[in-house]
C-alpha atoms as a PDB file:
ATOM      1  CA  MET A   1     -18.102 149.422 -45.177  1.00  0.00           C
ATOM      2  CA  LEU A   2     -17.594 152.729 -46.996  1.00  0.00           C
ATOM      3  CA  ALA A   3     -21.157 153.713 -46.154  1.00  0.00           C
ATOM      4  CA  THR A   4     -20.466 153.155 -42.456  1.00  0.00           C
ATOM      5  CA  VAL A   5     -17.760 155.848 -42.526  1.00  0.00           C
ATOM      6  CA  GLY A   6     -19.834 158.317 -44.525  1.00  0.00           C
ATOM      7  CA  ILE A   7     -18.868 157.525 -48.131  1.00  0.00           C
ATOM      8  CA  PRO A   8     -21.807 155.742 -49.771  1.00  0.00           C
ATOM      9  CA  MET A   9     -20.876 154.402 -53.216  1.00  0.00           C
ATOM     10  CA  THR A  10     -22.636 152.206 -55.739  1.00  0.00           C
ATOM     11  CA  ASP A  11     -21.103 148.891 -56.794  1.00  0.00           C
ATOM     12  CA  ALA A  12     -20.172 150.460 -60.135  1.00  0.00           C
ATOM     13  CA  GLU A  13     -18.429 153.382 -58.411  1.00  0.00           C
ATOM     14  CA  VAL A  14     -16.486 151.013 -56.151  1.00  0.00           C
ATOM     15  CA  LEU A  15     -15.315 148.936 -59.104  1.00  0.00           C
ATOM     16  CA  ARG A  16     -14.329 151.993 -61.143  1.00  0.00           C
ATOM     17  CA  THR A  17     -12.457 153.562 -58.226  1.00  0.00           C
ATOM     18  CA  PHE A  18     -10.685 150.639 -56.581  1.00  0.00           C
ATOM     19  CA  VAL A  19     -10.288 147.627 -58.889  1.00  0.00           C
ATOM     20  CA  GLY A  20      -6.644 146.996 -59.734  1.00  0.00           C
ATOM     21  CA  ARG A  21      -5.300 149.088 -56.862  1.00  0.00           C
ATOM     22  CA  SER A  22      -3.538 147.951 -53.710  1.00  0.00           C
ATOM     23  CA  ALA A  23      -5.156 148.138 -50.289  1.00  0.00           C
ATOM     24  CA  ALA A  24      -2.764 150.944 -49.354  1.00  0.00           C
ATOM     25  CA  ALA A  25      -3.760 152.957 -52.429  1.00  0.00           C
ATOM     26  CA  ALA A  26      -7.436 152.322 -51.729  1.00  0.00           C
ATOM     27  CA  LEU A  27      -7.081 153.541 -48.144  1.00  0.00           C
ATOM     28  CA  THR A  28      -5.372 156.709 -49.350  1.00  0.00           C
ATOM     29  CA  ILE A  29      -8.244 157.419 -51.754  1.00  0.00           C
ATOM     30  CA  ILE A  30     -10.833 156.789 -49.049  1.00  0.00           C
ATOM     31  CA  GLU A  31      -9.123 159.043 -46.510  1.00  0.00           C
ATOM     32  CA  GLU A  32      -8.719 161.814 -49.084  1.00  0.00           C
ATOM     33  CA  ARG A  33     -12.459 161.700 -49.770  1.00  0.00           C
ATOM     34  CA  LEU A  34     -13.274 161.432 -46.093  1.00  0.00           C
ATOM     35  CA  GLY A  35     -10.947 164.241 -45.046  1.00  0.00           C
ATOM     36  CA  THR A  36      -9.979 162.419 -41.851  1.00  0.00           C
ATOM     37  CA  PRO A  37      -8.155 159.189 -40.960  1.00  0.00           C
ATOM     38  CA  LEU A  38     -10.205 156.001 -41.058  1.00  0.00           C
ATOM     39  CA  PRO A  39     -11.081 154.137 -37.859  1.00  0.00           C
ATOM     40  CA  ALA A  40      -8.131 152.114 -36.576  1.00  0.00           C
ATOM     41  CA  ARG A  41      -9.767 148.724 -37.303  1.00  0.00           C
ATOM     42  CA  PHE A  42     -11.123 149.590 -40.757  1.00  0.00           C
ATOM     43  CA  LEU A  43      -8.435 147.770 -42.755  1.00  0.00           C
ATOM     44  CA  GLU A  44      -8.417 144.774 -40.413  1.00  0.00           C
ATOM     45  CA  ASP A  45     -12.217 144.447 -40.576  1.00  0.00           C
ATOM     46  CA  TRP A  46     -12.138 144.854 -44.354  1.00  0.00           C
ATOM     47  CA  HIS A  47      -9.657 141.998 -44.696  1.00  0.00           C
ATOM     48  CA  VAL A  48     -11.633 139.755 -42.347  1.00  0.00           C
ATOM     49  CA  GLN A  49     -14.810 140.177 -44.395  1.00  0.00           C
ATOM     50  CA  LEU A  50     -13.028 140.004 -47.757  1.00  0.00           C
ATOM     51  CA  PHE A  51     -11.102 136.845 -46.926  1.00  0.00           C
ATOM     52  CA  ALA A  52     -14.263 135.210 -45.566  1.00  0.00           C
ATOM     53  CA  GLU A  53     -15.845 135.727 -48.980  1.00  0.00           C
ATOM     54  CA  PHE A  54     -12.781 134.349 -50.760  1.00  0.00           C
ATOM     55  CA  ARG A  55     -12.880 131.222 -48.590  1.00  0.00           C
ATOM     56  CA  ARG A  56     -16.375 130.502 -49.920  1.00  0.00           C
ATOM     57  CA  GLY A  57     -14.654 129.770 -53.218  1.00  0.00           C
ATOM     58  CA  VAL A  58     -13.248 131.624 -56.221  1.00  0.00           C
ATOM     59  CA  ALA A  59     -14.059 130.239 -59.660  1.00  0.00           C
ATOM     60  CA  PRO A  60     -11.465 130.497 -62.438  1.00  0.00           C
ATOM     61  CA  MET A  61     -12.436 132.628 -65.426  1.00  0.00           C
ATOM     62  CA  PRO A  62     -13.931 130.547 -68.259  1.00  0.00           C
ATOM     63  CA  ASP A  63     -11.332 128.628 -70.295  1.00  0.00           C
ATOM     64  CA  VAL A  64      -8.354 129.921 -68.278  1.00  0.00           C
ATOM     65  CA  VAL A  65      -7.285 126.397 -67.275  1.00  0.00           C
ATOM     66  CA  ALA A  66      -7.100 125.265 -70.904  1.00  0.00           C
ATOM     67  CA  VAL A  67      -5.177 128.407 -71.827  1.00  0.00           C
ATOM     68  CA  LEU A  68      -2.653 127.860 -69.037  1.00  0.00           C
ATOM     69  CA  ASP A  69      -2.236 124.268 -70.218  1.00  0.00           C
ATOM     70  CA  ALA A  70      -1.485 125.557 -73.728  1.00  0.00           C
ATOM     71  CA  LEU A  71       1.079 128.050 -72.436  1.00  0.00           C
ATOM     72  CA  ALA A  72       2.745 125.398 -70.284  1.00  0.00           C
ATOM     73  CA  ALA A  73       2.887 122.977 -73.227  1.00  0.00           C
ATOM     74  CA  CYS A  74       5.052 125.417 -75.189  1.00  0.00           C
ATOM     75  CA  GLU A  75       7.062 126.315 -72.067  1.00  0.00           C
ATOM     76  CA  LEU A  76       5.926 129.926 -72.066  1.00  0.00           C
ATOM     77  CA  PRO A  77       6.858 131.301 -68.612  1.00  0.00           C
ATOM     78  CA  THR A  78       4.036 132.897 -66.624  1.00  0.00           C
ATOM     79  CA  CYS A  79       3.637 134.597 -63.271  1.00  0.00           C
ATOM     80  CA  VAL A  80       1.178 136.684 -61.267  1.00  0.00           C
ATOM     81  CA  ALA A  81       1.980 140.340 -60.527  1.00  0.00           C
ATOM     82  CA  SER A  82      -0.828 141.588 -58.330  1.00  0.00           C
ATOM     83  CA  SER A  83      -1.946 144.568 -56.295  1.00  0.00           C
ATOM     84  CA  GLY A  84      -2.986 142.065 -53.624  1.00  0.00           C
ATOM     85  CA  GLY A  85      -0.736 140.752 -50.882  1.00  0.00           C
ATOM     86  CA  HIS A  86       0.715 137.244 -50.897  1.00  0.00           C
ATOM     87  CA  ASP A  87      -1.876 135.987 -48.421  1.00  0.00           C
ATOM     88  CA  ARG A  88      -4.679 137.173 -50.699  1.00  0.00           C
ATOM     89  CA  MET A  89      -3.089 135.727 -53.844  1.00  0.00           C
ATOM     90  CA  ARG A  90      -2.490 132.357 -52.231  1.00  0.00           C
ATOM     91  CA  LEU A  91      -6.068 132.239 -50.941  1.00  0.00           C
ATOM     92  CA  THR A  92      -7.783 133.215 -54.197  1.00  0.00           C
ATOM     93  CA  LEU A  93      -5.513 131.099 -56.382  1.00  0.00           C
ATOM     94  CA  GLY A  94      -5.799 128.262 -53.885  1.00  0.00           C
ATOM     95  CA  THR A  95      -9.597 128.184 -53.751  1.00  0.00           C
ATOM     96  CA  SER A  96      -9.741 128.458 -57.547  1.00  0.00           C
ATOM     97  CA  GLY A  97      -7.322 125.550 -57.948  1.00  0.00           C
ATOM     98  CA  LEU A  98      -4.770 127.629 -59.850  1.00  0.00           C
ATOM     99  CA  LEU A  99      -2.090 128.066 -57.177  1.00  0.00           C
ATOM    100  CA  PRO A 100       0.114 125.109 -58.271  1.00  0.00           C
ATOM    101  CA  ARG A 101       0.408 126.699 -61.710  1.00  0.00           C
ATOM    102  CA  PHE A 102       1.974 129.865 -60.274  1.00  0.00           C
ATOM    103  CA  ASP A 103       3.510 128.806 -56.961  1.00  0.00           C
ATOM    104  CA  GLY A 104       6.937 130.424 -56.557  1.00  0.00           C
ATOM    105  CA  ARG A 105       6.071 133.027 -59.205  1.00  0.00           C
ATOM    106  CA  LEU A 106       3.790 135.351 -57.254  1.00  0.00           C
ATOM    107  CA  PHE A 107       4.772 139.024 -57.052  1.00  0.00           C
ATOM    108  CA  SER A 108       2.921 141.589 -54.966  1.00  0.00           C
ATOM    109  CA  ALA A 109       2.646 145.354 -54.857  1.00  0.00           C
ATOM    110  CA  THR A 110       3.530 144.974 -51.166  1.00  0.00           C
ATOM    111  CA  GLU A 111       7.105 144.221 -52.306  1.00  0.00           C
ATOM    112  CA  VAL A 112       7.606 147.538 -54.116  1.00  0.00           C
ATOM    113  CA  PRO A 113       7.299 151.240 -53.204  1.00  0.00           C
ATOM    114  CA  ARG A 114       4.204 151.935 -55.324  1.00  0.00           C
ATOM    115  CA  GLY A 115       1.259 149.881 -56.494  1.00  0.00           C
ATOM    116  CA  LYS A 116      -0.618 150.084 -59.780  1.00  0.00           C
ATOM    117  CA  PRO A 117      -1.112 152.360 -61.769  1.00  0.00           C
ATOM    118  CA  PHE A 118       2.655 152.782 -61.236  1.00  0.00           C
ATOM    119  CA  PRO A 119       4.836 150.221 -63.034  1.00  0.00           C
ATOM    120  CA  ASP A 120       6.798 149.027 -59.990  1.00  0.00           C
ATOM    121  CA  VAL A 121       5.230 145.580 -59.497  1.00  0.00           C
ATOM    122  CA  PHE A 122       5.521 144.666 -63.189  1.00  0.00           C
ATOM    123  CA  GLN A 123       9.127 145.832 -63.331  1.00  0.00           C
ATOM    124  CA  HIS A 124       9.849 143.825 -60.181  1.00  0.00           C
ATOM    125  CA  ALA A 125       8.230 140.713 -61.652  1.00  0.00           C
ATOM    126  CA  ALA A 126      10.207 141.061 -64.887  1.00  0.00           C
ATOM    127  CA  ARG A 127      13.474 141.362 -62.955  1.00  0.00           C
ATOM    128  CA  ARG A 128      12.676 138.291 -60.882  1.00  0.00           C
ATOM    129  CA  MET A 129      11.674 136.338 -63.987  1.00  0.00           C
ATOM    130  CA  GLY A 130      14.855 137.456 -65.785  1.00  0.00           C
ATOM    131  CA  VAL A 131      12.945 139.077 -68.639  1.00  0.00           C
ATOM    132  CA  ALA A 132      13.421 142.484 -70.268  1.00  0.00           C
ATOM    133  CA  PRO A 133      10.194 144.551 -70.017  1.00  0.00           C
ATOM    134  CA  ALA A 134      10.021 144.879 -73.811  1.00  0.00           C
ATOM    135  CA  ARG A 135       9.788 141.053 -74.011  1.00  0.00           C
ATOM    136  CA  ALA A 136       6.998 140.772 -71.435  1.00  0.00           C
ATOM    137  CA  VAL A 137       3.242 140.701 -71.938  1.00  0.00           C
ATOM    138  CA  VAL A 138       0.762 141.863 -69.295  1.00  0.00           C
ATOM    139  CA  ILE A 139      -2.775 140.466 -69.136  1.00  0.00           C
ATOM    140  CA  GLU A 140      -5.006 142.961 -67.322  1.00  0.00           C
ATOM    141  CA  ASP A 141      -8.661 143.782 -66.758  1.00  0.00           C
ATOM    142  CA  SER A 142      -8.380 147.139 -64.963  1.00  0.00           C
ATOM    143  CA  VAL A 143      -7.374 150.615 -66.087  1.00  0.00           C
ATOM    144  CA  ALA A 144      -4.884 150.855 -63.220  1.00  0.00           C
ATOM    145  CA  GLY A 145      -3.248 147.605 -64.313  1.00  0.00           C
ATOM    146  CA  VAL A 146      -3.138 148.547 -67.994  1.00  0.00           C
ATOM    147  CA  THR A 147      -1.632 151.923 -67.109  1.00  0.00           C
ATOM    148  CA  ALA A 148       1.025 150.185 -64.995  1.00  0.00           C
ATOM    149  CA  GLY A 149       1.891 147.713 -67.745  1.00  0.00           C
ATOM    150  CA  VAL A 150       2.234 150.408 -70.389  1.00  0.00           C
ATOM    151  CA  ALA A 151       4.382 152.507 -68.031  1.00  0.00           C
ATOM    152  CA  ALA A 152       6.600 149.456 -67.511  1.00  0.00           C
ATOM    153  CA  GLY A 153       7.249 149.307 -71.261  1.00  0.00           C
ATOM    154  CA  MET A 154       5.363 146.040 -71.741  1.00  0.00           C
ATOM    155  CA  THR A 155       2.781 144.883 -74.266  1.00  0.00           C
ATOM    156  CA  VAL A 156      -0.643 144.915 -72.570  1.00  0.00           C
ATOM    157  CA  PHE A 157      -3.697 142.852 -73.503  1.00  0.00           C
ATOM    158  CA  GLY A 158      -6.920 144.055 -71.877  1.00  0.00           C
ATOM    159  CA  TYR A 159      -9.446 141.370 -70.907  1.00  0.00           C
ATOM    160  CA  THR A 160     -12.944 142.792 -71.319  1.00  0.00           C
ATOM    161  CA  ALA A 161     -15.149 140.006 -69.939  1.00  0.00           C
ATOM    162  CA  GLY A 162     -15.143 141.281 -66.356  1.00  0.00           C
ATOM    163  CA  ALA A 163     -18.132 143.287 -65.131  1.00  0.00           C
ATOM    164  CA  HIS A 164     -15.790 146.131 -64.189  1.00  0.00           C
ATOM    165  CA  SER A 165     -13.844 146.157 -67.474  1.00  0.00           C
ATOM    166  CA  ASP A 166     -14.744 149.087 -69.734  1.00  0.00           C
ATOM    167  CA  PRO A 167     -13.382 148.412 -73.256  1.00  0.00           C
ATOM    168  CA  GLY A 168     -13.130 152.114 -74.093  1.00  0.00           C
ATOM    169  CA  GLU A 169     -11.198 152.919 -70.918  1.00  0.00           C
ATOM    170  CA  LEU A 170      -8.864 149.936 -71.355  1.00  0.00           C
ATOM    171  CA  THR A 171      -8.165 150.960 -74.947  1.00  0.00           C
ATOM    172  CA  ALA A 172      -7.550 154.575 -73.942  1.00  0.00           C
ATOM    173  CA  ALA A 173      -5.074 153.353 -71.308  1.00  0.00           C
ATOM    174  CA  GLY A 174      -3.103 151.522 -73.996  1.00  0.00           C
ATOM    175  CA  ALA A 175      -4.403 147.940 -74.063  1.00  0.00           C
ATOM    176  CA  ARG A 176      -5.082 145.690 -77.027  1.00  0.00           C
ATOM    177  CA  LEU A 177      -8.457 144.135 -76.226  1.00  0.00           C
ATOM    178  CA  PHE A 178      -9.644 140.533 -76.127  1.00  0.00           C
ATOM    179  CA  ALA A 179     -13.004 139.264 -74.903  1.00  0.00           C
ATOM    180  CA  ALA A 180     -12.423 135.538 -74.311  1.00  0.00           C
ATOM    181  CA  MET A 181      -9.540 133.606 -72.801  1.00  0.00           C
ATOM    182  CA  THR A 182      -9.585 131.309 -75.829  1.00  0.00           C
ATOM    183  CA  GLU A 183      -8.212 134.247 -77.873  1.00  0.00           C
ATOM    184  CA  LEU A 184      -5.124 134.599 -75.703  1.00  0.00           C
ATOM    185  CA  PRO A 185      -2.880 131.800 -77.057  1.00  0.00           C
ATOM    186  CA  ALA A 186      -3.050 133.257 -80.578  1.00  0.00           C
ATOM    187  CA  LEU A 187      -2.303 136.734 -79.238  1.00  0.00           C
ATOM    188  CA  LEU A 188       0.808 135.310 -77.569  1.00  0.00           C
ATOM    189  CA  GLY A 189       1.847 133.432 -80.704  1.00  0.00           C
ATOM    190  CA  VAL A 190       0.974 129.986 -79.332  1.00  0.00           C
ATOM    191  CA  THR A 191      -0.150 127.597 -82.065  1.00  0.00           C
ATOM    192  CA  ASN A 192      -1.860 124.227 -82.077  1.00  0.00           C
ATOM    193  CA  SER A 193       1.533 122.640 -82.691  1.00  0.00           C
ATOM    194  CA  GLY A 194       2.599 123.768 -79.223  1.00  0.00           C
ATOM    195  CA  ARG A 195       5.128 126.244 -80.528  1.00  0.00           C
ATOM    196  CA  GLY A 196       4.878 129.764 -79.352  1.00  0.00           C
ATOM    197  CA  SER A 197       6.430 133.153 -78.895  1.00  0.00           C
ATOM    198  CA  PRO A 198       9.058 133.401 -76.149  1.00  0.00           C
ATOM    199  CA  LEU A 199       7.160 136.316 -74.603  1.00  0.00           C
ATOM    200  CA  PRO A 200       6.457 135.669 -70.930  1.00  0.00           C
ATOM    201  CA  ALA A 201       2.996 136.527 -69.643  1.00  0.00           C
ATOM    202  CA  LEU A 202       2.738 138.510 -66.389  1.00  0.00           C
END
């Protein structure tokens, strides 16, 4: 779609530029590069095509279901604080089978003035969860998300298994890295006994 408006980009460039950012932030970046407003239907067409792909199915990351079970067993509160809108979160979490684990605890950048890399959505989620930022942990795989979590005053773990996740960039942004979801319970202080740290995970 970018190529159709005169901004050809490789997959790697798209991931580096847009992953972790809200649709509004992405549109601003595109229009700045383009130098003119985008066609009126660009965002609508983008969402139509994107959501069609999501409806084909979204697979959970390896081992994330077992990790969420471990966190639930020790009553560690979790939520999703995303750059995506609620319709997108409910669709992707729904097709992946994860929605029941987070239903009622979904927070979107559309609810706050600024999306990632600003801290607004994480601060909003912490307020709604009743947790001080210093007691919250952010799990992120994008530089924009890590930057937002650090700015919010939270501990940030950077997940490096995604194709778009650059370990060096995540580290430079302030994340403590992990490469497999199976490492996460130990990072959060969750043990085999089911006891764990009271730190919520956002």
